[in-house]
N, C-alpha and C. Protein backbone atom coordinates (compact mmCIF):
# COMPACT_ATOMS: atom_id res chain seq x y z
N MET A 1 113.30 102.74 117.40
CA MET A 1 112.42 103.26 116.35
C MET A 1 113.15 104.37 115.60
N ILE A 2 113.23 104.24 114.29
CA ILE A 2 113.86 105.26 113.45
C ILE A 2 112.74 106.14 112.91
N ALA A 3 112.73 107.43 113.26
CA ALA A 3 111.65 108.34 112.84
C ALA A 3 111.92 108.96 111.47
N HIS A 4 113.20 109.26 111.20
CA HIS A 4 113.54 109.79 109.88
C HIS A 4 115.02 109.56 109.60
N LEU A 5 115.36 109.68 108.33
CA LEU A 5 116.75 109.57 107.90
C LEU A 5 117.11 110.82 107.12
N LYS A 6 118.33 111.32 107.35
CA LYS A 6 118.82 112.46 106.58
C LYS A 6 120.18 112.06 106.03
N GLY A 7 120.30 112.04 104.72
CA GLY A 7 121.55 111.64 104.09
C GLY A 7 121.46 111.84 102.60
N HIS A 8 122.38 111.22 101.88
CA HIS A 8 122.41 111.36 100.43
C HIS A 8 121.68 110.20 99.76
N LEU A 9 120.94 110.52 98.70
CA LEU A 9 120.25 109.49 97.94
C LEU A 9 121.30 108.72 97.15
N ALA A 10 121.49 107.44 97.51
CA ALA A 10 122.55 106.64 96.88
C ALA A 10 122.05 105.86 95.68
N ALA A 11 120.79 105.42 95.73
CA ALA A 11 120.24 104.62 94.62
C ALA A 11 118.72 104.58 94.75
N THR A 12 118.05 104.29 93.63
CA THR A 12 116.60 104.07 93.67
C THR A 12 116.26 102.86 92.82
N GLY A 13 115.14 102.22 93.14
CA GLY A 13 114.62 101.11 92.37
C GLY A 13 113.15 101.36 92.10
N ALA A 14 112.45 100.36 91.60
CA ALA A 14 111.03 100.52 91.28
C ALA A 14 110.20 100.82 92.52
N ASP A 15 110.60 100.25 93.68
CA ASP A 15 109.79 100.42 94.88
C ASP A 15 110.63 100.72 96.13
N HIS A 16 111.87 101.19 95.92
CA HIS A 16 112.72 101.46 97.08
C HIS A 16 113.79 102.50 96.75
N ALA A 17 114.41 103.00 97.81
CA ALA A 17 115.56 103.90 97.67
C ALA A 17 116.61 103.48 98.69
N VAL A 18 117.86 103.86 98.44
CA VAL A 18 118.93 103.64 99.40
C VAL A 18 119.42 105.02 99.83
N ILE A 19 119.34 105.28 101.14
CA ILE A 19 119.78 106.56 101.69
C ILE A 19 121.10 106.32 102.43
N ASP A 20 122.14 107.02 102.03
CA ASP A 20 123.46 106.90 102.65
C ASP A 20 123.56 107.90 103.79
N VAL A 21 123.57 107.39 105.02
CA VAL A 21 123.68 108.24 106.21
C VAL A 21 125.04 107.96 106.83
N ASN A 22 125.98 108.87 106.64
CA ASN A 22 127.34 108.73 107.18
C ASN A 22 127.98 107.38 106.85
N GLY A 23 127.83 106.96 105.60
CA GLY A 23 128.48 105.74 105.16
C GLY A 23 127.68 104.47 105.33
N VAL A 24 126.49 104.56 105.96
CA VAL A 24 125.62 103.40 106.12
C VAL A 24 124.44 103.56 105.16
N GLY A 25 124.24 102.56 104.29
CA GLY A 25 123.15 102.62 103.32
C GLY A 25 121.89 101.99 103.87
N TYR A 26 120.82 102.79 104.01
CA TYR A 26 119.53 102.28 104.49
C TYR A 26 118.62 102.04 103.30
N LEU A 27 118.15 100.79 103.15
CA LEU A 27 117.20 100.45 102.10
C LEU A 27 115.81 100.74 102.63
N VAL A 28 115.08 101.63 101.95
CA VAL A 28 113.72 101.97 102.40
C VAL A 28 112.74 101.72 101.27
N GLY A 29 111.67 100.99 101.58
CA GLY A 29 110.59 100.82 100.62
C GLY A 29 109.88 102.16 100.48
N ALA A 30 109.38 102.47 99.29
CA ALA A 30 108.76 103.78 99.09
C ALA A 30 107.74 103.74 97.96
N SER A 31 106.79 104.66 98.03
CA SER A 31 105.80 104.80 96.96
C SER A 31 106.44 105.51 95.78
N ALA A 32 105.82 105.39 94.62
CA ALA A 32 106.33 106.07 93.43
C ALA A 32 106.34 107.58 93.65
N ARG A 33 105.34 108.07 94.39
CA ARG A 33 105.25 109.51 94.67
C ARG A 33 106.45 109.98 95.51
N THR A 34 106.82 109.20 96.51
CA THR A 34 107.97 109.55 97.35
C THR A 34 109.26 109.47 96.54
N LEU A 35 109.41 108.42 95.73
CA LEU A 35 110.62 108.27 94.93
C LEU A 35 110.81 109.46 93.98
N THR A 36 109.71 109.95 93.42
CA THR A 36 109.78 111.13 92.55
C THR A 36 110.19 112.36 93.35
N ALA A 37 109.64 112.50 94.56
CA ALA A 37 109.91 113.67 95.39
C ALA A 37 111.36 113.72 95.89
N LEU A 38 112.02 112.57 95.97
CA LEU A 38 113.38 112.52 96.51
C LEU A 38 114.41 113.23 95.63
N GLY A 39 114.16 113.27 94.33
CA GLY A 39 115.11 113.96 93.45
C GLY A 39 116.08 112.99 92.80
N THR A 40 117.32 113.46 92.59
CA THR A 40 118.30 112.67 91.84
C THR A 40 119.38 112.10 92.75
N ILE A 41 120.06 111.08 92.24
CA ILE A 41 121.15 110.42 92.98
C ILE A 41 122.18 111.46 93.41
N GLY A 42 122.58 111.39 94.68
CA GLY A 42 123.56 112.33 95.22
C GLY A 42 122.95 113.48 95.99
N ASP A 43 121.64 113.72 95.80
CA ASP A 43 120.98 114.81 96.53
C ASP A 43 120.92 114.52 98.02
N LEU A 44 121.00 115.57 98.84
CA LEU A 44 120.80 115.44 100.28
C LEU A 44 119.29 115.40 100.53
N VAL A 45 118.82 114.35 101.19
CA VAL A 45 117.38 114.17 101.38
C VAL A 45 117.06 113.87 102.84
N THR A 46 115.84 114.18 103.23
CA THR A 46 115.29 113.75 104.52
C THR A 46 114.05 112.94 104.22
N ILE A 47 113.96 111.77 104.81
CA ILE A 47 112.82 110.89 104.55
C ILE A 47 112.24 110.41 105.89
N HIS A 48 110.92 110.52 106.03
CA HIS A 48 110.23 110.04 107.23
C HIS A 48 110.11 108.53 107.11
N THR A 49 110.25 107.82 108.21
CA THR A 49 110.29 106.37 108.12
C THR A 49 109.33 105.67 109.08
N GLU A 50 109.03 104.45 108.73
CA GLU A 50 108.22 103.55 109.55
C GLU A 50 108.88 102.18 109.49
N MET A 51 109.17 101.58 110.65
CA MET A 51 109.79 100.26 110.66
C MET A 51 108.72 99.18 110.79
N LEU A 52 108.77 98.21 109.88
CA LEU A 52 107.85 97.09 109.92
C LEU A 52 108.59 95.87 110.45
N VAL A 53 108.06 95.29 111.51
CA VAL A 53 108.70 94.15 112.15
C VAL A 53 107.80 92.93 111.99
N SER A 54 108.35 91.86 111.43
CA SER A 54 107.60 90.60 111.35
C SER A 54 108.50 89.50 111.92
N GLU A 55 107.99 88.28 111.93
CA GLU A 55 108.75 87.17 112.52
C GLU A 55 110.09 86.96 111.85
N ASP A 56 110.14 87.17 110.53
CA ASP A 56 111.36 86.85 109.81
C ASP A 56 112.06 88.04 109.15
N SER A 57 111.60 89.27 109.42
CA SER A 57 112.26 90.40 108.77
C SER A 57 112.03 91.72 109.49
N LEU A 58 112.93 92.65 109.22
CA LEU A 58 112.79 94.05 109.62
C LEU A 58 112.85 94.85 108.33
N ARG A 59 111.85 95.69 108.07
CA ARG A 59 111.86 96.49 106.86
C ARG A 59 111.61 97.95 107.22
N LEU A 60 112.27 98.82 106.51
CA LEU A 60 112.11 100.24 106.73
C LEU A 60 111.35 100.81 105.53
N MET A 61 110.27 101.52 105.80
CA MET A 61 109.51 102.18 104.74
C MET A 61 109.80 103.68 104.83
N GLY A 62 109.87 104.34 103.68
CA GLY A 62 110.22 105.75 103.66
C GLY A 62 109.15 106.59 102.98
N PHE A 63 108.99 107.83 103.48
CA PHE A 63 107.93 108.72 102.98
C PHE A 63 108.44 110.14 102.85
N ALA A 64 107.97 110.83 101.81
CA ALA A 64 108.41 112.21 101.56
C ALA A 64 107.86 113.17 102.61
N SER A 65 106.73 112.81 103.24
CA SER A 65 106.13 113.70 104.24
C SER A 65 105.59 112.88 105.42
N ALA A 66 105.44 113.56 106.55
CA ALA A 66 104.87 112.90 107.72
C ALA A 66 103.42 112.51 107.46
N GLU A 67 102.71 113.31 106.65
CA GLU A 67 101.31 112.99 106.33
C GLU A 67 101.20 111.68 105.57
N GLU A 68 102.12 111.48 104.61
CA GLU A 68 102.10 110.22 103.86
C GLU A 68 102.38 109.04 104.79
N ARG A 69 103.32 109.21 105.72
CA ARG A 69 103.61 108.14 106.68
C ARG A 69 102.39 107.85 107.56
N ASP A 70 101.69 108.90 107.99
CA ASP A 70 100.50 108.71 108.83
C ASP A 70 99.41 107.95 108.07
N TRP A 71 99.26 108.27 106.77
CA TRP A 71 98.27 107.55 105.98
C TRP A 71 98.69 106.11 105.74
N PHE A 72 99.98 105.85 105.60
CA PHE A 72 100.47 104.48 105.48
C PHE A 72 100.07 103.68 106.72
N ARG A 73 100.27 104.28 107.90
CA ARG A 73 99.90 103.61 109.15
C ARG A 73 98.41 103.31 109.20
N LEU A 74 97.60 104.31 108.80
CA LEU A 74 96.14 104.10 108.82
C LEU A 74 95.74 103.02 107.82
N LEU A 75 96.28 103.08 106.62
CA LEU A 75 95.91 102.10 105.60
C LEU A 75 96.28 100.68 106.03
N THR A 76 97.48 100.51 106.59
CA THR A 76 97.90 99.17 106.99
C THR A 76 97.18 98.68 108.25
N SER A 77 96.41 99.55 108.89
CA SER A 77 95.61 99.10 110.03
C SER A 77 94.33 98.39 109.58
N VAL A 78 94.02 98.50 108.29
CA VAL A 78 92.83 97.85 107.73
C VAL A 78 93.17 96.41 107.38
N GLN A 79 92.30 95.47 107.80
CA GLN A 79 92.54 94.05 107.51
C GLN A 79 92.63 93.85 106.00
N GLY A 80 93.69 93.14 105.57
CA GLY A 80 93.86 92.86 104.15
C GLY A 80 94.74 93.87 103.43
N VAL A 81 95.14 94.93 104.12
CA VAL A 81 96.01 95.94 103.51
C VAL A 81 97.41 95.81 104.09
N GLY A 82 98.32 95.29 103.30
CA GLY A 82 99.72 95.19 103.71
C GLY A 82 100.50 96.37 103.20
N ALA A 83 101.80 96.34 103.44
CA ALA A 83 102.66 97.44 103.02
C ALA A 83 102.60 97.66 101.51
N LYS A 84 102.58 96.57 100.74
CA LYS A 84 102.60 96.69 99.28
C LYS A 84 101.34 97.40 98.77
N VAL A 85 100.19 97.02 99.29
CA VAL A 85 98.93 97.64 98.86
C VAL A 85 98.88 99.11 99.31
N ALA A 86 99.31 99.38 100.54
CA ALA A 86 99.30 100.77 101.04
C ALA A 86 100.19 101.65 100.17
N LEU A 87 101.38 101.13 99.79
CA LEU A 87 102.27 101.91 98.93
C LEU A 87 101.67 102.09 97.54
N ALA A 88 100.95 101.09 97.05
CA ALA A 88 100.30 101.21 95.73
C ALA A 88 99.27 102.34 95.75
N ILE A 89 98.51 102.42 96.85
CA ILE A 89 97.51 103.48 96.98
C ILE A 89 98.20 104.85 97.05
N LEU A 90 99.26 104.93 97.86
CA LEU A 90 99.96 106.21 98.03
C LEU A 90 100.81 106.57 96.81
N SER A 91 101.01 105.62 95.90
CA SER A 91 101.72 105.92 94.66
C SER A 91 100.84 106.69 93.69
N ILE A 92 99.52 106.41 93.72
CA ILE A 92 98.63 107.09 92.76
C ILE A 92 97.83 108.23 93.39
N LEU A 93 97.72 108.24 94.73
CA LEU A 93 96.95 109.29 95.40
C LEU A 93 97.82 110.00 96.43
N SER A 94 97.73 111.31 96.48
CA SER A 94 98.43 112.07 97.52
C SER A 94 97.68 111.87 98.83
N PRO A 95 98.31 112.20 99.98
CA PRO A 95 97.58 112.08 101.26
C PRO A 95 96.26 112.86 101.24
N GLU A 96 96.27 114.05 100.63
CA GLU A 96 95.04 114.85 100.55
C GLU A 96 93.96 114.13 99.75
N GLU A 97 94.37 113.47 98.65
CA GLU A 97 93.41 112.75 97.81
C GLU A 97 92.87 111.52 98.51
N VAL A 98 93.71 110.84 99.30
CA VAL A 98 93.23 109.68 100.06
C VAL A 98 92.20 110.15 101.08
N GLN A 99 92.50 111.27 101.77
CA GLN A 99 91.57 111.78 102.77
C GLN A 99 90.24 112.16 102.12
N THR A 100 90.30 112.80 100.96
CA THR A 100 89.08 113.19 100.24
C THR A 100 88.27 111.95 99.86
N ALA A 101 88.96 110.93 99.34
CA ALA A 101 88.27 109.70 98.94
C ALA A 101 87.58 109.04 100.13
N VAL A 102 88.29 108.99 101.27
CA VAL A 102 87.71 108.37 102.47
C VAL A 102 86.54 109.21 102.98
N ALA A 103 86.71 110.52 103.03
CA ALA A 103 85.65 111.40 103.54
C ALA A 103 84.39 111.32 102.68
N ARG A 104 84.58 111.16 101.38
CA ARG A 104 83.43 111.10 100.46
C ARG A 104 82.95 109.68 100.21
N ALA A 105 83.56 108.70 100.88
CA ALA A 105 83.24 107.28 100.68
C ALA A 105 83.38 106.90 99.21
N ASP A 106 84.40 107.45 98.55
CA ASP A 106 84.65 107.21 97.13
C ASP A 106 85.58 106.01 96.97
N SER A 107 85.02 104.81 97.10
CA SER A 107 85.85 103.60 97.03
C SER A 107 86.42 103.40 95.64
N ALA A 108 85.75 103.90 94.61
CA ALA A 108 86.25 103.75 93.23
C ALA A 108 87.61 104.45 93.07
N MET A 109 87.78 105.56 93.76
CA MET A 109 89.05 106.29 93.69
C MET A 109 90.18 105.45 94.29
N ILE A 110 89.90 104.80 95.42
CA ILE A 110 90.88 103.93 96.08
C ILE A 110 91.17 102.71 95.22
N ALA A 111 90.13 102.18 94.56
CA ALA A 111 90.26 100.96 93.77
C ALA A 111 91.11 101.13 92.51
N ARG A 112 91.49 102.37 92.19
CA ARG A 112 92.36 102.59 91.03
C ARG A 112 93.77 102.05 91.25
N ALA A 113 94.14 101.86 92.52
CA ALA A 113 95.50 101.38 92.83
C ALA A 113 95.66 99.91 92.48
N ASN A 114 96.86 99.53 92.04
CA ASN A 114 97.15 98.13 91.73
C ASN A 114 96.93 97.25 92.95
N GLY A 115 96.25 96.13 92.77
CA GLY A 115 96.05 95.19 93.85
C GLY A 115 94.89 95.51 94.78
N VAL A 116 94.12 96.55 94.44
CA VAL A 116 92.98 96.93 95.29
C VAL A 116 91.69 96.68 94.52
N GLY A 117 90.96 95.65 94.95
CA GLY A 117 89.68 95.35 94.32
C GLY A 117 88.56 96.17 94.95
N PRO A 118 87.37 96.11 94.37
CA PRO A 118 86.24 96.89 94.88
C PRO A 118 85.89 96.59 96.35
N LYS A 119 85.95 95.31 96.73
CA LYS A 119 85.61 94.95 98.12
C LYS A 119 86.62 95.53 99.11
N LEU A 120 87.91 95.42 98.79
CA LEU A 120 88.94 95.95 99.68
C LEU A 120 88.85 97.47 99.75
N ALA A 121 88.60 98.11 98.61
CA ALA A 121 88.47 99.57 98.58
C ALA A 121 87.31 100.01 99.48
N GLN A 122 86.20 99.27 99.42
CA GLN A 122 85.04 99.61 100.26
C GLN A 122 85.37 99.42 101.74
N ARG A 123 86.12 98.35 102.06
CA ARG A 123 86.51 98.12 103.45
C ARG A 123 87.40 99.25 103.96
N ILE A 124 88.34 99.69 103.12
CA ILE A 124 89.23 100.79 103.51
C ILE A 124 88.43 102.03 103.83
N VAL A 125 87.50 102.39 102.95
CA VAL A 125 86.67 103.58 103.15
C VAL A 125 85.84 103.44 104.43
N ASN A 126 85.21 102.27 104.62
CA ASN A 126 84.36 102.06 105.79
C ASN A 126 85.14 102.13 107.10
N GLU A 127 86.32 101.49 107.13
CA GLU A 127 87.08 101.43 108.39
C GLU A 127 87.79 102.73 108.72
N LEU A 128 88.13 103.52 107.69
CA LEU A 128 88.94 104.71 107.96
C LEU A 128 88.13 106.01 108.07
N LYS A 129 86.85 105.97 107.72
CA LYS A 129 86.10 107.23 107.70
C LYS A 129 86.05 107.90 109.07
N ASP A 130 86.02 107.12 110.15
CA ASP A 130 85.99 107.72 111.49
C ASP A 130 87.39 108.09 111.98
N LYS A 131 88.40 107.34 111.56
CA LYS A 131 89.76 107.59 112.02
C LYS A 131 90.42 108.75 111.28
N ALA A 132 89.99 109.01 110.06
CA ALA A 132 90.74 109.93 109.19
C ALA A 132 90.45 111.40 109.43
N GLY A 133 89.42 111.72 110.16
CA GLY A 133 89.03 113.12 110.31
C GLY A 133 90.09 114.02 110.88
N GLY A 134 90.96 113.50 111.74
CA GLY A 134 91.91 114.37 112.42
C GLY A 134 93.31 114.40 111.84
N ILE A 135 93.55 113.68 110.74
CA ILE A 135 94.90 113.72 110.15
C ILE A 135 95.21 115.14 109.73
N ALA A 136 96.37 115.61 110.11
CA ALA A 136 96.74 117.01 109.86
C ALA A 136 97.12 117.24 108.41
N LEU A 137 96.27 117.97 107.72
CA LEU A 137 96.56 118.37 106.35
C LEU A 137 96.23 119.84 106.20
N GLY A 138 97.06 120.57 105.52
CA GLY A 138 96.84 122.01 105.37
C GLY A 138 95.50 122.30 104.74
N GLY A 139 94.76 123.25 105.33
CA GLY A 139 93.51 123.71 104.76
C GLY A 139 92.37 122.73 104.87
N SER A 140 92.48 121.71 105.70
CA SER A 140 91.41 120.71 105.74
C SER A 140 90.43 120.95 106.88
N GLY A 141 90.44 122.13 107.45
CA GLY A 141 89.44 122.43 108.47
C GLY A 141 90.05 122.90 109.77
N ALA A 142 89.20 123.31 110.68
CA ALA A 142 89.65 123.94 111.91
C ALA A 142 90.41 122.99 112.83
N THR A 143 90.14 121.68 112.72
CA THR A 143 90.81 120.75 113.63
C THR A 143 92.20 120.37 113.18
N ALA A 144 92.58 120.76 111.96
CA ALA A 144 93.88 120.32 111.45
C ALA A 144 95.01 121.17 112.00
N ALA A 145 96.08 120.50 112.39
CA ALA A 145 97.28 121.22 112.80
C ALA A 145 97.96 121.75 111.54
N PRO A 146 98.78 122.80 111.65
CA PRO A 146 99.46 123.32 110.48
C PRO A 146 100.29 122.22 109.81
N ALA A 147 100.18 122.15 108.50
CA ALA A 147 100.87 121.09 107.77
C ALA A 147 102.37 121.36 107.69
N GLY A 148 103.14 120.30 107.73
CA GLY A 148 104.57 120.41 107.52
C GLY A 148 105.34 120.78 108.77
N GLY A 149 106.64 120.62 108.71
CA GLY A 149 107.54 121.06 109.76
C GLY A 149 107.30 120.41 111.11
N ALA A 150 107.59 121.18 112.16
CA ALA A 150 107.53 120.65 113.52
C ALA A 150 106.12 120.22 113.91
N ALA A 151 105.10 120.94 113.44
CA ALA A 151 103.73 120.60 113.81
C ALA A 151 103.34 119.21 113.30
N ALA A 152 103.68 118.92 112.05
CA ALA A 152 103.36 117.59 111.49
C ALA A 152 104.11 116.49 112.24
N ASP A 153 105.37 116.76 112.58
CA ASP A 153 106.14 115.77 113.33
C ASP A 153 105.59 115.59 114.74
N ALA A 154 105.08 116.68 115.33
CA ALA A 154 104.50 116.60 116.68
C ALA A 154 103.22 115.76 116.65
N VAL A 155 102.39 115.95 115.61
CA VAL A 155 101.18 115.13 115.47
C VAL A 155 101.57 113.66 115.34
N SER A 156 102.59 113.40 114.52
CA SER A 156 103.07 112.03 114.34
C SER A 156 103.56 111.43 115.66
N ALA A 157 104.25 112.25 116.46
CA ALA A 157 104.75 111.76 117.75
C ALA A 157 103.59 111.37 118.66
N LEU A 158 102.53 112.18 118.69
CA LEU A 158 101.37 111.86 119.53
C LEU A 158 100.64 110.63 119.02
N LEU A 159 100.57 110.47 117.69
CA LEU A 159 99.95 109.27 117.13
C LEU A 159 100.72 108.03 117.56
N ASN A 160 102.07 108.14 117.58
CA ASN A 160 102.90 107.02 118.02
C ASN A 160 102.66 106.67 119.49
N LEU A 161 102.24 107.65 120.27
CA LEU A 161 101.98 107.43 121.69
C LEU A 161 100.57 106.88 121.93
N GLY A 162 99.81 106.71 120.85
CA GLY A 162 98.49 106.09 120.99
C GLY A 162 97.31 107.04 120.97
N PHE A 163 97.57 108.34 120.75
CA PHE A 163 96.45 109.28 120.67
C PHE A 163 95.70 109.08 119.36
N LYS A 164 94.40 109.36 119.37
CA LYS A 164 93.60 109.31 118.15
C LYS A 164 94.00 110.51 117.28
N PRO A 165 93.88 110.38 115.94
CA PRO A 165 94.28 111.48 115.05
C PRO A 165 93.65 112.83 115.40
N ALA A 166 92.34 112.83 115.71
CA ALA A 166 91.68 114.10 116.03
C ALA A 166 92.23 114.71 117.32
N GLU A 167 92.51 113.86 118.33
CA GLU A 167 93.08 114.35 119.59
C GLU A 167 94.48 114.92 119.37
N ALA A 168 95.29 114.19 118.61
CA ALA A 168 96.66 114.61 118.34
C ALA A 168 96.68 115.94 117.61
N SER A 169 95.86 116.06 116.55
CA SER A 169 95.82 117.29 115.76
C SER A 169 95.33 118.47 116.58
N GLY A 170 94.28 118.23 117.37
CA GLY A 170 93.73 119.31 118.19
C GLY A 170 94.72 119.82 119.22
N ALA A 171 95.40 118.90 119.89
CA ALA A 171 96.37 119.28 120.93
C ALA A 171 97.56 120.02 120.32
N VAL A 172 98.06 119.53 119.19
CA VAL A 172 99.21 120.18 118.54
C VAL A 172 98.81 121.55 118.00
N SER A 173 97.60 121.65 117.45
CA SER A 173 97.12 122.93 116.93
C SER A 173 97.03 123.97 118.05
N ALA A 174 96.49 123.55 119.20
CA ALA A 174 96.39 124.46 120.35
C ALA A 174 97.78 124.86 120.86
N ALA A 175 98.69 123.89 120.91
CA ALA A 175 100.06 124.18 121.35
C ALA A 175 100.76 125.12 120.37
N ASN A 176 100.54 124.90 119.08
CA ASN A 176 101.15 125.73 118.05
C ASN A 176 100.65 127.17 118.13
N ASP A 177 99.33 127.33 118.38
CA ASP A 177 98.75 128.67 118.52
C ASP A 177 99.39 129.41 119.69
N GLU A 178 99.62 128.68 120.78
CA GLU A 178 100.18 129.30 121.99
C GLU A 178 101.66 129.63 121.83
N LEU A 179 102.41 128.74 121.19
CA LEU A 179 103.87 128.91 121.10
C LEU A 179 104.31 129.78 119.92
N GLY A 180 103.48 129.85 118.88
CA GLY A 180 103.84 130.66 117.72
C GLY A 180 104.61 129.87 116.68
N PRO A 181 104.88 130.50 115.51
CA PRO A 181 105.45 129.79 114.37
C PRO A 181 106.88 129.28 114.56
N GLY A 182 107.64 129.84 115.49
CA GLY A 182 109.03 129.42 115.66
C GLY A 182 109.22 128.28 116.65
N ALA A 183 108.13 127.64 117.06
CA ALA A 183 108.20 126.61 118.10
C ALA A 183 109.01 125.40 117.64
N THR A 184 109.81 124.85 118.57
CA THR A 184 110.58 123.64 118.26
C THR A 184 109.69 122.41 118.43
N LEU A 185 110.11 121.31 117.83
CA LEU A 185 109.37 120.05 117.94
C LEU A 185 109.22 119.65 119.40
N ASP A 186 110.31 119.73 120.17
CA ASP A 186 110.30 119.33 121.57
C ASP A 186 109.27 120.15 122.36
N ALA A 187 109.28 121.47 122.16
CA ALA A 187 108.35 122.34 122.89
C ALA A 187 106.91 122.04 122.49
N LEU A 188 106.68 121.82 121.19
CA LEU A 188 105.32 121.52 120.72
C LEU A 188 104.79 120.22 121.32
N VAL A 189 105.63 119.19 121.33
CA VAL A 189 105.18 117.89 121.86
C VAL A 189 104.88 117.99 123.34
N ARG A 190 105.77 118.67 124.10
CA ARG A 190 105.56 118.79 125.55
C ARG A 190 104.24 119.51 125.87
N LEU A 191 104.01 120.67 125.18
CA LEU A 191 102.80 121.43 125.45
C LEU A 191 101.57 120.68 124.96
N ALA A 192 101.66 120.04 123.80
CA ALA A 192 100.53 119.28 123.26
C ALA A 192 100.13 118.14 124.21
N LEU A 193 101.12 117.48 124.81
CA LEU A 193 100.84 116.41 125.78
C LEU A 193 100.10 116.96 127.00
N ARG A 194 100.53 118.14 127.46
CA ARG A 194 99.85 118.75 128.60
C ARG A 194 98.39 119.09 128.23
N LYS A 195 98.20 119.64 127.04
CA LYS A 195 96.86 120.03 126.62
C LYS A 195 95.97 118.80 126.41
N ALA A 196 96.55 117.74 125.85
CA ALA A 196 95.78 116.52 125.62
C ALA A 196 95.37 115.84 126.92
N ALA A 197 96.17 116.06 127.97
CA ALA A 197 95.89 115.41 129.26
C ALA A 197 94.78 116.11 130.04
N LYS A 198 94.43 117.33 129.63
CA LYS A 198 93.40 118.07 130.38
C LYS A 198 92.02 117.49 130.17
């Protein structure tokens, strides 16, 4: 599993970028929002990734933030939402805006994305309203872990281990409070796992 890539931006296309990591070019699918955030060709970039495995292909998707990657995972968990539709949604809405739309059951906001009809938008809102409460976003309430940096990566690590978003955010937030702002990712994950197990 590739969690992130750090290298130089070698090329971009309408829906992808190529990241050169020590001479190896990784093609990553990406939303328009992520492609804009990456900057210009030659820049040193870090991109969060998700590997999609199917019978006939391996694809790497790239995201400017761990929050965007977490929302991609949630969106693609909805029946009828593939990678293309999830990226279309994340191209027009930030992770915060997707969370707001889901929390308010605003399917019209989701339906603005290319390839998302009213029925699919309603299904996304219905299926994600219970799952989305714990996604870590800055300023989104007491259960949210601090956005960005090691805390966001720690939440992502717990989500990968099968924890629910609210459990992951709560455990990481408690670990972050105890360890302080200089905590490393490794220390945060270890303590968060202990707290989640209680």
